[in-house]
Amino acid sequence: MGNDFSHITRRCERAVVTAYRELRETGNDDLSSFRACTALYRIHHPEASVNEARRLVSEWIDHHIVRGESGPTDGCLCP
């Protein structure tokens, strides 16, 4: 899980993926890490619904952590 996520251009996406990785590395379970990252996304994007936040966070975790891909992802339009 020690990937470098500096290639992620969206700050919210990088924050979510980094937080998830670090939470898991320190022994937190998947569900509590996911919930924390969903809350983190909503801090960056308070206008987002819980369902939207859950969808994006799960897509980002799957893309960057589970599959280990480094290409761009769909997501919010922020820089």
Protein backbone atom coordinates (compact mmCIF):
# COMPACT_ATOMS: atom_id res chain seq x y z
CA MET A 1 0.00 0.00 0.00
CA GLY A 2 2.98 2.33 -0.04
CA ASN A 3 2.22 3.88 -3.44
CA ASP A 4 3.11 7.48 -4.24
CA PHE A 5 -0.06 9.38 -5.08
CA SER A 6 1.62 12.68 -6.02
CA HIS A 7 0.45 12.21 -9.64
CA ILE A 8 -3.17 12.82 -8.59
CA THR A 9 -4.06 16.33 -9.65
CA ARG A 10 -7.28 16.93 -7.70
CA ARG A 11 -6.49 17.93 -4.13
CA CYS A 12 -9.63 16.28 -2.77
CA GLU A 13 -8.88 13.02 -4.58
CA ARG A 14 -5.26 13.01 -3.39
CA ALA A 15 -6.39 13.76 0.19
CA VAL A 16 -8.94 10.93 0.13
CA VAL A 17 -6.57 8.33 -1.32
CA THR A 18 -3.72 9.31 0.98
CA ALA A 19 -5.98 9.30 4.04
CA TYR A 20 -7.40 5.89 3.14
CA ARG A 21 -3.95 4.40 2.64
CA GLU A 22 -2.66 5.83 5.92
CA LEU A 23 -5.73 4.78 7.90
CA ARG A 24 -5.41 1.21 6.61
CA GLU A 25 -1.66 1.15 7.28
CA THR A 26 -2.27 2.14 10.91
CA GLY A 27 -4.69 -0.73 11.47
CA ASN A 28 -8.11 0.77 10.80
CA ASP A 29 -10.58 -1.53 9.11
CA ASP A 30 -11.87 -0.97 5.60
CA LEU A 31 -15.33 0.31 6.52
CA SER A 32 -14.19 2.85 9.12
CA SER A 33 -11.47 4.07 6.74
CA PHE A 34 -14.02 4.41 3.94
CA ARG A 35 -16.42 6.34 6.21
CA ALA A 36 -13.65 8.69 7.32
CA CYS A 37 -12.66 9.33 3.71
CA THR A 38 -16.27 9.98 2.74
CA ALA A 39 -16.44 12.59 5.50
CA LEU A 40 -13.14 14.06 4.31
CA TYR A 41 -14.48 14.38 0.76
CA ARG A 42 -17.56 16.17 2.08
CA ILE A 43 -15.32 18.64 3.94
CA HIS A 44 -13.74 19.50 0.58
CA HIS A 45 -17.16 19.45 -1.12
CA PRO A 46 -19.96 20.28 1.36
CA GLU A 47 -22.36 20.60 -1.57
CA ALA A 48 -21.99 16.88 -2.36
CA SER A 49 -24.61 14.42 -1.21
CA VAL A 50 -23.58 11.48 0.93
CA ASN A 51 -24.31 9.12 -1.97
CA GLU A 52 -22.19 11.16 -4.38
CA ALA A 53 -19.33 11.22 -1.88
CA ARG A 54 -19.58 7.47 -1.30
CA ARG A 55 -19.55 6.78 -5.04
CA LEU A 56 -16.51 8.94 -5.75
CA VAL A 57 -14.55 7.72 -2.74
CA SER A 58 -15.22 4.09 -3.63
CA GLU A 59 -14.20 4.69 -7.26
CA TRP A 60 -10.99 6.42 -6.22
CA ILE A 61 -10.07 3.72 -3.68
CA ASP A 62 -10.75 1.02 -6.25
CA HIS A 63 -8.74 2.81 -8.94
CA HIS A 64 -5.70 3.87 -6.90
CA ILE A 65 -5.52 1.35 -4.04
CA VAL A 66 -7.19 -1.86 -5.19
CA ARG A 67 -6.13 -1.84 -8.86
CA GLY A 68 -3.02 0.31 -8.34
CA GLU A 69 -3.62 2.36 -11.46
CA SER A 70 -2.12 5.81 -11.93
CA GLY A 71 -4.19 7.17 -14.81
CA PRO A 72 -6.85 9.84 -14.48
CA THR A 73 -10.21 9.09 -12.91
CA ASP A 74 -13.70 10.46 -13.29
CA GLY A 75 -14.78 12.63 -10.44
CA CYS A 76 -15.44 16.14 -9.36
CA LEU A 77 -14.47 19.10 -11.49
CA CYS A 78 -12.27 20.85 -8.96
CA PRO A 79 -8.55 21.40 -9.61
